[in-house]
Amino acid sequence: MSGLDEIRVVAGEAGGMRENVRAILHEIETLLGRLLETGEASAIDIRSLPLMPGDYGALESALGSGEISAEFHGDSGPTVMTETGIPGIWWVTHFDQDEEVAAEFIEITMVPEILLSQQEDIRDGLEDLRQRLAAVDNH
Protein backbone atom coordinates (compact mmCIF):
# COMPACT_ATOMS: atom_id res chain seq x y z
CA MET A 1 0.00 0.00 0.00
CA SER A 2 1.41 3.38 -1.00
CA GLY A 3 1.24 6.62 0.99
CA LEU A 4 -1.01 8.11 -1.71
CA ASP A 5 -4.07 6.60 -0.04
CA GLU A 6 -3.44 8.81 2.97
CA ILE A 7 -3.29 12.11 1.05
CA ARG A 8 -6.49 14.12 1.23
CA VAL A 9 -7.37 15.87 -2.04
CA VAL A 10 -10.15 18.44 -2.25
CA ALA A 11 -10.70 19.69 -5.79
CA GLY A 12 -11.70 23.27 -6.46
CA GLU A 13 -11.12 24.63 -2.97
CA ALA A 14 -8.54 27.10 -1.73
CA GLY A 15 -8.43 28.44 1.78
CA GLY A 16 -11.57 26.49 2.66
CA MET A 17 -13.80 28.01 -0.05
CA ARG A 18 -14.55 26.76 -3.52
CA GLU A 19 -13.02 28.97 -6.22
CA ASN A 20 -16.27 29.28 -8.18
CA VAL A 21 -18.07 30.42 -5.05
CA ARG A 22 -15.28 32.86 -4.20
CA ALA A 23 -15.54 34.41 -7.69
CA ILE A 24 -19.33 34.75 -7.45
CA LEU A 25 -19.07 36.36 -4.01
CA HIS A 26 -16.54 38.90 -5.33
CA GLU A 27 -18.93 39.73 -8.18
CA ILE A 28 -21.81 40.09 -5.71
CA GLU A 29 -19.66 42.38 -3.57
CA THR A 30 -19.04 44.65 -6.57
CA LEU A 31 -22.70 44.68 -7.54
CA LEU A 32 -23.86 45.36 -3.97
CA GLY A 33 -21.48 48.34 -3.81
CA ARG A 34 -22.94 49.60 -7.11
CA LEU A 35 -26.47 49.23 -5.73
CA LEU A 36 -25.54 51.40 -2.75
CA GLU A 37 -23.74 54.00 -4.84
CA THR A 38 -26.10 54.33 -7.80
CA GLY A 39 -29.29 52.43 -6.95
CA GLU A 40 -28.65 50.16 -9.95
CA ALA A 41 -30.02 46.66 -9.44
CA SER A 42 -28.26 43.64 -10.96
CA ALA A 43 -28.76 39.92 -11.33
CA ILE A 44 -26.51 36.90 -11.77
CA ASP A 45 -27.95 33.94 -13.66
CA ILE A 46 -26.50 31.17 -11.52
CA ARG A 47 -27.86 28.43 -13.77
CA SER A 48 -25.63 29.72 -16.58
CA LEU A 49 -22.45 29.46 -14.49
CA PRO A 50 -20.12 26.45 -14.64
CA LEU A 51 -20.75 25.40 -11.04
CA MET A 52 -19.27 22.19 -9.70
CA PRO A 53 -21.18 19.73 -7.51
CA GLY A 54 -21.50 21.27 -4.09
CA ASP A 55 -21.10 24.87 -5.29
CA TYR A 56 -24.81 25.67 -4.85
CA GLY A 57 -24.76 24.52 -1.24
CA ALA A 58 -21.50 26.35 -0.58
CA LEU A 59 -22.91 29.54 -2.10
CA GLU A 60 -26.13 29.26 -0.09
CA SER A 61 -24.10 28.68 3.05
CA ALA A 62 -21.82 31.65 2.36
CA LEU A 63 -24.76 34.01 1.79
CA GLY A 64 -26.83 32.69 4.69
CA SER A 65 -30.56 33.07 5.28
CA GLY A 66 -32.39 36.32 5.77
CA GLU A 67 -35.70 37.26 7.31
CA ILE A 68 -37.81 37.79 4.20
CA SER A 69 -39.26 35.27 1.78
CA ALA A 70 -42.00 35.75 -0.79
CA GLU A 71 -43.74 33.56 -3.32
CA PHE A 72 -45.31 34.76 -6.54
CA HIS A 73 -47.70 32.59 -8.56
CA GLY A 74 -47.65 33.51 -12.24
CA ASP A 75 -49.08 31.88 -15.34
CA SER A 76 -45.84 30.02 -16.11
CA GLY A 77 -45.35 28.74 -12.56
CA PRO A 78 -44.34 29.91 -9.09
CA THR A 79 -41.37 32.09 -8.23
CA VAL A 80 -39.76 31.98 -4.79
CA MET A 81 -37.70 34.96 -3.60
CA THR A 82 -35.66 34.71 -0.42
CA GLU A 83 -33.46 37.45 0.94
CA THR A 84 -30.12 36.02 1.94
CA GLY A 85 -28.40 36.81 5.22
CA ILE A 86 -27.01 39.90 3.50
CA PRO A 87 -29.66 42.58 2.96
CA GLY A 88 -30.05 43.51 -0.69
CA ILE A 89 -29.06 40.06 -1.96
CA TRP A 90 -31.96 37.85 -3.00
CA TRP A 91 -32.00 34.22 -4.16
CA VAL A 92 -34.76 34.03 -6.79
CA THR A 93 -35.95 30.71 -8.21
CA HIS A 94 -38.47 30.48 -11.04
CA PHE A 95 -40.31 27.18 -11.45
CA ASP A 96 -42.23 25.93 -14.45
CA GLN A 97 -45.76 24.53 -14.27
CA ASP A 98 -44.32 21.09 -13.39
CA GLU A 99 -42.49 22.73 -10.46
CA GLU A 100 -39.09 22.06 -12.03
CA VAL A 101 -36.51 24.85 -11.70
CA ALA A 102 -36.72 26.92 -14.89
CA ALA A 103 -34.31 29.69 -13.90
CA GLU A 104 -32.37 30.78 -10.85
CA PHE A 105 -30.83 34.14 -10.10
CA ILE A 106 -29.06 36.00 -7.38
CA GLU A 107 -30.57 39.46 -7.52
CA ILE A 108 -28.78 42.40 -5.99
CA THR A 109 -31.60 44.87 -5.39
CA MET A 110 -33.62 46.61 -2.72
CA VAL A 111 -36.58 44.38 -3.60
CA PRO A 112 -37.01 41.96 -6.52
CA GLU A 113 -38.77 43.73 -9.39
CA ILE A 114 -41.32 40.95 -9.72
CA LEU A 115 -42.71 42.00 -6.32
CA LEU A 116 -43.29 45.59 -7.38
CA SER A 117 -46.85 46.41 -8.34
CA GLN A 118 -47.14 47.37 -11.99
CA GLN A 119 -48.97 50.55 -12.93
CA GLU A 120 -51.50 48.66 -15.06
CA ASP A 121 -52.26 46.31 -12.14
CA ILE A 122 -52.70 49.27 -9.79
CA ARG A 123 -55.02 50.93 -12.33
CA ASP A 124 -57.08 47.72 -12.53
CA GLY A 125 -57.10 47.48 -8.73
CA LEU A 126 -58.33 51.05 -8.40
CA GLU A 127 -61.20 50.31 -10.78
CA ASP A 128 -62.04 47.14 -8.82
CA LEU A 129 -61.98 49.08 -5.54
CA ARG A 130 -64.29 51.72 -6.99
CA GLN A 131 -66.75 49.01 -8.07
CA ARG A 132 -66.66 47.45 -4.60
CA LEU A 133 -67.24 50.85 -2.98
CA ALA A 134 -70.16 51.52 -5.33
CA ALA A 135 -71.69 48.16 -4.40
CA VAL A 136 -71.32 48.92 -0.67
CA ASP A 137 -72.66 52.48 -1.07
CA ASN A 138 -75.75 51.18 -2.91
CA HIS A 139 -76.79 48.88 -0.08
C-alpha atoms as a PDB file:
ATOM      1  CA  MET A   1       0.000   0.000   0.000  1.00  0.00           C
ATOM      2  CA  SER A   2       1.414   3.383  -0.996  1.00  0.00           C
ATOM      3  CA  GLY A   3       1.237   6.619   0.991  1.00  0.00           C
ATOM      4  CA  LEU A   4      -1.006   8.113  -1.712  1.00  0.00           C
ATOM      5  CA  ASP A   5      -4.072   6.602  -0.035  1.00  0.00           C
ATOM      6  CA  GLU A   6      -3.444   8.813   2.971  1.00  0.00           C
ATOM      7  CA  ILE A   7      -3.292  12.113   1.046  1.00  0.00           C
ATOM      8  CA  ARG A   8      -6.490  14.122   1.226  1.00  0.00           C
ATOM      9  CA  VAL A   9      -7.369  15.874  -2.041  1.00  0.00           C
ATOM     10  CA  VAL A  10     -10.147  18.443  -2.245  1.00  0.00           C
ATOM     11  CA  ALA A  11     -10.702  19.685  -5.792  1.00  0.00           C
ATOM     12  CA  GLY A  12     -11.695  23.270  -6.458  1.00  0.00           C
ATOM     13  CA  GLU A  13     -11.117  24.626  -2.965  1.00  0.00           C
ATOM     14  CA  ALA A  14      -8.541  27.100  -1.734  1.00  0.00           C
ATOM     15  CA  GLY A  15      -8.434  28.437   1.778  1.00  0.00           C
ATOM     16  CA  GLY A  16     -11.574  26.493   2.660  1.00  0.00           C
ATOM     17  CA  MET A  17     -13.803  28.014  -0.047  1.00  0.00           C
ATOM     18  CA  ARG A  18     -14.550  26.755  -3.525  1.00  0.00           C
ATOM     19  CA  GLU A  19     -13.019  28.966  -6.221  1.00  0.00           C
ATOM     20  CA  ASN A  20     -16.274  29.281  -8.180  1.00  0.00           C
ATOM     21  CA  VAL A  21     -18.068  30.419  -5.046  1.00  0.00           C
ATOM     22  CA  ARG A  22     -15.275  32.863  -4.197  1.00  0.00           C
ATOM     23  CA  ALA A  23     -15.540  34.412  -7.687  1.00  0.00           C
ATOM     24  CA  ILE A  24     -19.325  34.753  -7.446  1.00  0.00           C
ATOM     25  CA  LEU A  25     -19.068  36.355  -4.009  1.00  0.00           C
ATOM     26  CA  HIS A  26     -16.543  38.897  -5.332  1.00  0.00           C
ATOM     27  CA  GLU A  27     -18.932  39.733  -8.177  1.00  0.00           C
ATOM     28  CA  ILE A  28     -21.812  40.092  -5.707  1.00  0.00           C
ATOM     29  CA  GLU A  29     -19.659  42.384  -3.569  1.00  0.00           C
ATOM     30  CA  THR A  30     -19.039  44.650  -6.568  1.00  0.00           C
ATOM     31  CA  LEU A  31     -22.703  44.684  -7.541  1.00  0.00           C
ATOM     32  CA  LEU A  32     -23.865  45.363  -3.973  1.00  0.00           C
ATOM     33  CA  GLY A  33     -21.485  48.338  -3.813  1.00  0.00           C
ATOM     34  CA  ARG A  34     -22.943  49.604  -7.109  1.00  0.00           C
ATOM     35  CA  LEU A  35     -26.474  49.225  -5.726  1.00  0.00           C
ATOM     36  CA  LEU A  36     -25.539  51.398  -2.749  1.00  0.00           C
ATOM     37  CA  GLU A  37     -23.739  54.001  -4.838  1.00  0.00           C
ATOM     38  CA  THR A  38     -26.096  54.327  -7.802  1.00  0.00           C
ATOM     39  CA  GLY A  39     -29.288  52.426  -6.951  1.00  0.00           C
ATOM     40  CA  GLU A  40     -28.652  50.159  -9.949  1.00  0.00           C
ATOM     41  CA  ALA A  41     -30.022  46.659  -9.440  1.00  0.00           C
ATOM     42  CA  SER A  42     -28.257  43.639 -10.956  1.00  0.00           C
ATOM     43  CA  ALA A  43     -28.760  39.917 -11.334  1.00  0.00           C
ATOM     44  CA  ILE A  44     -26.510  36.904 -11.769  1.00  0.00           C
ATOM     45  CA  ASP A  45     -27.952  33.939 -13.656  1.00  0.00           C
ATOM     46  CA  ILE A  46     -26.499  31.172 -11.518  1.00  0.00           C
ATOM     47  CA  ARG A  47     -27.857  28.431 -13.770  1.00  0.00           C
ATOM     48  CA  SER A  48     -25.630  29.720 -16.577  1.00  0.00           C
ATOM     49  CA  LEU A  49     -22.451  29.456 -14.485  1.00  0.00           C
ATOM     50  CA  PRO A  50     -20.115  26.447 -14.638  1.00  0.00           C
ATOM     51  CA  LEU A  51     -20.748  25.400 -11.036  1.00  0.00           C
ATOM     52  CA  MET A  52     -19.274  22.193  -9.698  1.00  0.00           C
ATOM     53  CA  PRO A  53     -21.182  19.726  -7.513  1.00  0.00           C
ATOM     54  CA  GLY A  54     -21.500  21.272  -4.090  1.00  0.00           C
ATOM     55  CA  ASP A  55     -21.104  24.874  -5.290  1.00  0.00           C
ATOM     56  CA  TYR A  56     -24.814  25.672  -4.852  1.00  0.00           C
ATOM     57  CA  GLY A  57     -24.759  24.524  -1.243  1.00  0.00           C
ATOM     58  CA  ALA A  58     -21.504  26.353  -0.579  1.00  0.00           C
ATOM     59  CA  LEU A  59     -22.909  29.540  -2.100  1.00  0.00           C
ATOM     60  CA  GLU A  60     -26.135  29.258  -0.091  1.00  0.00           C
ATOM     61  CA  SER A  61     -24.097  28.681   3.048  1.00  0.00           C
ATOM     62  CA  ALA A  62     -21.815  31.650   2.364  1.00  0.00           C
ATOM     63  CA  LEU A  63     -24.757  34.007   1.785  1.00  0.00           C
ATOM     64  CA  GLY A  64     -26.829  32.691   4.686  1.00  0.00           C
ATOM     65  CA  SER A  65     -30.556  33.070   5.283  1.00  0.00           C
ATOM     66  CA  GLY A  66     -32.394  36.324   5.768  1.00  0.00           C
ATOM     67  CA  GLU A  67     -35.701  37.262   7.309  1.00  0.00           C
ATOM     68  CA  ILE A  68     -37.815  37.791   4.196  1.00  0.00           C
ATOM     69  CA  SER A  69     -39.264  35.267   1.780  1.00  0.00           C
ATOM     70  CA  ALA A  70     -42.003  35.752  -0.793  1.00  0.00           C
ATOM     71  CA  GLU A  71     -43.739  33.557  -3.320  1.00  0.00           C
ATOM     72  CA  PHE A  72     -45.306  34.759  -6.545  1.00  0.00           C
ATOM     73  CA  HIS A  73     -47.704  32.588  -8.560  1.00  0.00           C
ATOM     74  CA  GLY A  74     -47.649  33.506 -12.244  1.00  0.00           C
ATOM     75  CA  ASP A  75     -49.080  31.881 -15.339  1.00  0.00           C
ATOM     76  CA  SER A  76     -45.843  30.021 -16.111  1.00  0.00           C
ATOM     77  CA  GLY A  77     -45.348  28.737 -12.557  1.00  0.00           C
ATOM     78  CA  PRO A  78     -44.336  29.910  -9.090  1.00  0.00           C
ATOM     79  CA  THR A  79     -41.374  32.092  -8.229  1.00  0.00           C
ATOM     80  CA  VAL A  80     -39.757  31.983  -4.793  1.00  0.00           C
ATOM     81  CA  MET A  81     -37.703  34.957  -3.598  1.00  0.00           C
ATOM     82  CA  THR A  82     -35.657  34.715  -0.421  1.00  0.00           C
ATOM     83  CA  GLU A  83     -33.463  37.446   0.944  1.00  0.00           C
ATOM     84  CA  THR A  84     -30.122  36.024   1.936  1.00  0.00           C
ATOM     85  CA  GLY A  85     -28.397  36.807   5.223  1.00  0.00           C
ATOM     86  CA  ILE A  86     -27.009  39.899   3.497  1.00  0.00           C
ATOM     87  CA  PRO A  87     -29.660  42.581   2.960  1.00  0.00           C
ATOM     88  CA  GLY A  88     -30.047  43.511  -0.686  1.00  0.00           C
ATOM     89  CA  ILE A  89     -29.055  40.064  -1.958  1.00  0.00           C
ATOM     90  CA  TRP A  90     -31.956  37.852  -2.995  1.00  0.00           C
ATOM     91  CA  TRP A  91     -32.003  34.223  -4.163  1.00  0.00           C
ATOM     92  CA  VAL A  92     -34.761  34.027  -6.793  1.00  0.00           C
ATOM     93  CA  THR A  93     -35.948  30.706  -8.212  1.00  0.00           C
ATOM     94  CA  HIS A  94     -38.467  30.480 -11.043  1.00  0.00           C
ATOM     95  CA  PHE A  95     -40.313  27.178 -11.447  1.00  0.00           C
ATOM     96  CA  ASP A  96     -42.234  25.931 -14.453  1.00  0.00           C
ATOM     97  CA  GLN A  97     -45.762  24.527 -14.266  1.00  0.00           C
ATOM     98  CA  ASP A  98     -44.320  21.092 -13.388  1.00  0.00           C
ATOM     99  CA  GLU A  99     -42.486  22.733 -10.456  1.00  0.00           C
ATOM    100  CA  GLU A 100     -39.091  22.063 -12.026  1.00  0.00           C
ATOM    101  CA  VAL A 101     -36.507  24.855 -11.702  1.00  0.00           C
ATOM    102  CA  ALA A 102     -36.723  26.918 -14.891  1.00  0.00           C
ATOM    103  CA  ALA A 103     -34.305  29.693 -13.902  1.00  0.00           C
ATOM    104  CA  GLU A 104     -32.374  30.779 -10.855  1.00  0.00           C
ATOM    105  CA  PHE A 105     -30.827  34.145 -10.104  1.00  0.00           C
ATOM    106  CA  ILE A 106     -29.061  35.998  -7.382  1.00  0.00           C
ATOM    107  CA  GLU A 107     -30.573  39.463  -7.520  1.00  0.00           C
ATOM    108  CA  ILE A 108     -28.781  42.403  -5.992  1.00  0.00           C
ATOM    109  CA  THR A 109     -31.597  44.866  -5.390  1.00  0.00           C
ATOM    110  CA  MET A 110     -33.615  46.610  -2.722  1.00  0.00           C
ATOM    111  CA  VAL A 111     -36.575  44.381  -3.599  1.00  0.00           C
ATOM    112  CA  PRO A 112     -37.014  41.961  -6.519  1.00  0.00           C
ATOM    113  CA  GLU A 113     -38.767  43.728  -9.392  1.00  0.00           C
ATOM    114  CA  ILE A 114     -41.320  40.947  -9.717  1.00  0.00           C
ATOM    115  CA  LEU A 115     -42.712  41.999  -6.315  1.00  0.00           C
ATOM    116  CA  LEU A 116     -43.292  45.594  -7.385  1.00  0.00           C
ATOM    117  CA  SER A 117     -46.853  46.414  -8.344  1.00  0.00           C
ATOM    118  CA  GLN A 118     -47.137  47.370 -11.991  1.00  0.00           C
ATOM    119  CA  GLN A 119     -48.974  50.555 -12.931  1.00  0.00           C
ATOM    120  CA  GLU A 120     -51.496  48.660 -15.059  1.00  0.00           C
ATOM    121  CA  ASP A 121     -52.259  46.309 -12.141  1.00  0.00           C
ATOM    122  CA  ILE A 122     -52.701  49.274  -9.793  1.00  0.00           C
ATOM    123  CA  ARG A 123     -55.020  50.927 -12.326  1.00  0.00           C
ATOM    124  CA  ASP A 124     -57.081  47.717 -12.534  1.00  0.00           C
ATOM    125  CA  GLY A 125     -57.097  47.485  -8.734  1.00  0.00           C
ATOM    126  CA  LEU A 126     -58.331  51.053  -8.402  1.00  0.00           C
ATOM    127  CA  GLU A 127     -61.203  50.310 -10.779  1.00  0.00           C
ATOM    128  CA  ASP A 128     -62.036  47.143  -8.822  1.00  0.00           C
ATOM    129  CA  LEU A 129     -61.983  49.081  -5.537  1.00  0.00           C
ATOM    130  CA  ARG A 130     -64.293  51.724  -6.992  1.00  0.00           C
ATOM    131  CA  GLN A 131     -66.745  49.012  -8.073  1.00  0.00           C
ATOM    132  CA  ARG A 132     -66.663  47.453  -4.602  1.00  0.00           C
ATOM    133  CA  LEU A 133     -67.241  50.846  -2.980  1.00  0.00           C
ATOM    134  CA  ALA A 134     -70.160  51.521  -5.331  1.00  0.00           C
ATOM    135  CA  ALA A 135     -71.692  48.159  -4.395  1.00  0.00           C
ATOM    136  CA  VAL A 136     -71.319  48.920  -0.668  1.00  0.00           C
ATOM    137  CA  ASP A 137     -72.656  52.482  -1.074  1.00  0.00           C
ATOM    138  CA  ASN A 138     -75.747  51.181  -2.910  1.00  0.00           C
ATOM    139  CA  HIS A 139     -76.786  48.880  -0.080  1.00  0.00           C
END
